[in-house]
Amino acid sequence: MKRFVQLATGLFLALGSAAIVAYAMAHLAHHSLGFARSALREQALICAAILLGLVTIEFLASREK
């Protein structure tokens, strides 16, 4: 049970950090570089799907050890 709590906490912190970084990058891209919000939204969904895949692979690989 302790290992599950550690994994859940790590996953929560990683996803929270990723969300903060994604928000900051979108803010800079929209306000400083002039990208449209619709273009940023599409790319954010693609990046979120890639990150979900990578986190899932890492989670499943760590369970095999």
N, C-alpha and C. Protein backbone atom coordinates (compact mmCIF):
# COMPACT_ATOMS: atom_id res chain seq x y z
N MET A 1 0.82 -1.19 0.00
CA MET A 1 0.00 0.00 0.00
C MET A 1 0.86 1.26 0.00
N LYS A 2 2.00 1.20 0.71
CA LYS A 2 2.88 2.36 0.78
C LYS A 2 3.45 2.69 -0.59
N ARG A 3 3.77 1.67 -1.37
CA ARG A 3 4.32 1.89 -2.72
C ARG A 3 3.27 2.56 -3.61
N PHE A 4 2.01 2.15 -3.48
CA PHE A 4 0.94 2.76 -4.27
C PHE A 4 0.80 4.24 -3.93
N VAL A 5 0.88 4.58 -2.66
CA VAL A 5 0.77 5.98 -2.25
C VAL A 5 1.92 6.79 -2.83
N GLN A 6 3.12 6.21 -2.82
CA GLN A 6 4.28 6.90 -3.40
C GLN A 6 4.10 7.11 -4.90
N LEU A 7 3.62 6.09 -5.60
CA LEU A 7 3.40 6.22 -7.04
C LEU A 7 2.31 7.25 -7.34
N ALA A 8 1.23 7.21 -6.59
CA ALA A 8 0.14 8.16 -6.80
C ALA A 8 0.60 9.59 -6.52
N THR A 9 1.37 9.78 -5.47
CA THR A 9 1.87 11.11 -5.14
C THR A 9 2.82 11.60 -6.22
N GLY A 10 3.71 10.74 -6.68
CA GLY A 10 4.63 11.11 -7.76
C GLY A 10 3.91 11.46 -9.04
N LEU A 11 2.91 10.67 -9.38
CA LEU A 11 2.13 10.95 -10.58
C LEU A 11 1.37 12.26 -10.45
N PHE A 12 0.79 12.51 -9.29
CA PHE A 12 0.06 13.76 -9.05
C PHE A 12 1.00 14.96 -9.17
N LEU A 13 2.19 14.88 -8.58
CA LEU A 13 3.14 15.98 -8.66
C LEU A 13 3.63 16.20 -10.10
N ALA A 14 3.86 15.12 -10.82
CA ALA A 14 4.32 15.24 -12.21
C ALA A 14 3.24 15.88 -13.08
N LEU A 15 2.00 15.44 -12.93
CA LEU A 15 0.92 16.02 -13.73
C LEU A 15 0.65 17.47 -13.35
N GLY A 16 0.74 17.78 -12.08
CA GLY A 16 0.56 19.17 -11.65
C GLY A 16 1.65 20.08 -12.19
N SER A 17 2.89 19.61 -12.14
CA SER A 17 4.00 20.39 -12.69
C SER A 17 3.85 20.58 -14.18
N ALA A 18 3.43 19.53 -14.88
CA ALA A 18 3.24 19.62 -16.33
C ALA A 18 2.13 20.62 -16.66
N ALA A 19 1.09 20.64 -15.87
CA ALA A 19 -0.01 21.58 -16.11
C ALA A 19 0.44 23.02 -15.91
N ILE A 20 1.23 23.26 -14.89
CA ILE A 20 1.73 24.61 -14.63
C ILE A 20 2.64 25.08 -15.75
N VAL A 21 3.53 24.21 -16.19
CA VAL A 21 4.45 24.56 -17.29
C VAL A 21 3.67 24.78 -18.58
N ALA A 22 2.68 23.95 -18.86
CA ALA A 22 1.87 24.11 -20.07
C ALA A 22 1.12 25.43 -20.04
N TYR A 23 0.57 25.80 -18.90
CA TYR A 23 -0.15 27.07 -18.80
C TYR A 23 0.80 28.24 -19.02
N ALA A 24 1.98 28.19 -18.42
CA ALA A 24 2.94 29.28 -18.58
C ALA A 24 3.40 29.41 -20.03
N MET A 25 3.65 28.29 -20.68
CA MET A 25 4.09 28.33 -22.08
C MET A 25 2.97 28.86 -22.98
N ALA A 26 1.72 28.46 -22.74
CA ALA A 26 0.60 28.95 -23.53
C ALA A 26 0.41 30.45 -23.33
N HIS A 27 0.57 30.91 -22.11
CA HIS A 27 0.44 32.34 -21.82
C HIS A 27 1.50 33.13 -22.57
N LEU A 28 2.74 32.66 -22.53
CA LEU A 28 3.82 33.35 -23.24
C LEU A 28 3.61 33.31 -24.75
N ALA A 29 3.19 32.17 -25.27
CA ALA A 29 2.99 32.05 -26.71
C ALA A 29 1.85 32.95 -27.19
N HIS A 30 0.80 33.07 -26.39
CA HIS A 30 -0.34 33.88 -26.81
C HIS A 30 -0.05 35.37 -26.67
N HIS A 31 0.49 35.78 -25.54
CA HIS A 31 0.66 37.21 -25.28
C HIS A 31 1.96 37.77 -25.86
N SER A 32 3.03 37.00 -25.85
CA SER A 32 4.31 37.52 -26.32
C SER A 32 4.54 37.25 -27.81
N LEU A 33 4.14 36.08 -28.28
CA LEU A 33 4.42 35.71 -29.66
C LEU A 33 3.22 35.87 -30.59
N GLY A 34 2.03 36.05 -30.05
CA GLY A 34 0.86 36.33 -30.86
C GLY A 34 0.18 35.13 -31.49
N PHE A 35 0.39 33.93 -30.97
CA PHE A 35 -0.30 32.75 -31.50
C PHE A 35 -1.78 32.79 -31.12
N ALA A 36 -2.62 32.28 -32.01
CA ALA A 36 -4.05 32.20 -31.72
C ALA A 36 -4.31 31.11 -30.68
N ARG A 37 -5.33 31.33 -29.86
CA ARG A 37 -5.65 30.35 -28.81
C ARG A 37 -6.09 29.01 -29.40
N SER A 38 -6.77 29.03 -30.53
CA SER A 38 -7.23 27.77 -31.12
C SER A 38 -6.05 26.91 -31.57
N ALA A 39 -5.01 27.52 -32.08
CA ALA A 39 -3.82 26.77 -32.49
C ALA A 39 -3.11 26.19 -31.27
N LEU A 40 -3.06 26.96 -30.21
CA LEU A 40 -2.43 26.47 -28.99
C LEU A 40 -3.21 25.32 -28.37
N ARG A 41 -4.53 25.40 -28.44
CA ARG A 41 -5.39 24.36 -27.86
C ARG A 41 -5.15 23.02 -28.55
N GLU A 42 -5.08 23.03 -29.87
CA GLU A 42 -4.87 21.79 -30.62
C GLU A 42 -3.52 21.17 -30.28
N GLN A 43 -2.48 21.98 -30.24
CA GLN A 43 -1.16 21.48 -29.92
C GLN A 43 -1.07 21.00 -28.47
N ALA A 44 -1.79 21.66 -27.58
CA ALA A 44 -1.78 21.24 -26.19
C ALA A 44 -2.41 19.87 -26.02
N LEU A 45 -3.47 19.59 -26.76
CA LEU A 45 -4.11 18.27 -26.68
C LEU A 45 -3.18 17.19 -27.22
N ILE A 46 -2.47 17.47 -28.28
CA ILE A 46 -1.52 16.51 -28.83
C ILE A 46 -0.39 16.24 -27.83
N CYS A 47 0.14 17.30 -27.24
CA CYS A 47 1.21 17.14 -26.25
C CYS A 47 0.73 16.39 -25.01
N ALA A 48 -0.49 16.65 -24.59
CA ALA A 48 -1.04 15.95 -23.43
C ALA A 48 -1.17 14.45 -23.71
N ALA A 49 -1.57 14.11 -24.93
CA ALA A 49 -1.68 12.69 -25.30
C ALA A 49 -0.30 12.02 -25.31
N ILE A 50 0.69 12.71 -25.81
CA ILE A 50 2.06 12.17 -25.82
C ILE A 50 2.57 11.99 -24.39
N LEU A 51 2.35 12.99 -23.55
CA LEU A 51 2.80 12.88 -22.17
C LEU A 51 2.08 11.76 -21.42
N LEU A 52 0.80 11.60 -21.69
CA LEU A 52 0.05 10.50 -21.07
C LEU A 52 0.65 9.16 -21.47
N GLY A 53 0.98 9.01 -22.72
CA GLY A 53 1.60 7.77 -23.19
C GLY A 53 2.94 7.51 -22.52
N LEU A 54 3.76 8.55 -22.41
CA LEU A 54 5.08 8.38 -21.79
C LEU A 54 4.96 8.05 -20.30
N VAL A 55 4.06 8.71 -19.61
CA VAL A 55 3.87 8.42 -18.17
C VAL A 55 3.33 7.00 -17.99
N THR A 56 2.44 6.57 -18.86
CA THR A 56 1.91 5.21 -18.77
C THR A 56 3.00 4.18 -19.00
N ILE A 57 3.84 4.42 -20.00
CA ILE A 57 4.95 3.50 -20.26
C ILE A 57 5.89 3.43 -19.07
N GLU A 58 6.22 4.58 -18.49
CA GLU A 58 7.11 4.60 -17.34
C GLU A 58 6.47 3.89 -16.14
N PHE A 59 5.19 4.09 -15.94
CA PHE A 59 4.49 3.45 -14.82
C PHE A 59 4.47 1.93 -14.99
N LEU A 60 4.18 1.48 -16.20
CA LEU A 60 4.13 0.03 -16.43
C LEU A 60 5.52 -0.59 -16.37
N ALA A 61 6.54 0.11 -16.82
CA ALA A 61 7.90 -0.41 -16.77
C ALA A 61 8.40 -0.50 -15.33
N SER A 62 8.00 0.44 -14.49
CA SER A 62 8.46 0.42 -13.10
C SER A 62 7.77 -0.68 -12.30
N ARG A 63 6.61 -1.14 -12.74
CA ARG A 63 5.90 -2.20 -12.03
C ARG A 63 6.53 -3.57 -12.31
N GLU A 64 7.27 -3.71 -13.41
CA GLU A 64 7.88 -4.99 -13.75
C GLU A 64 9.10 -5.30 -12.91
N LYS A 65 9.73 -4.31 -12.32
CA LYS A 65 10.97 -4.50 -11.56
C LYS A 65 10.72 -5.17 -10.25
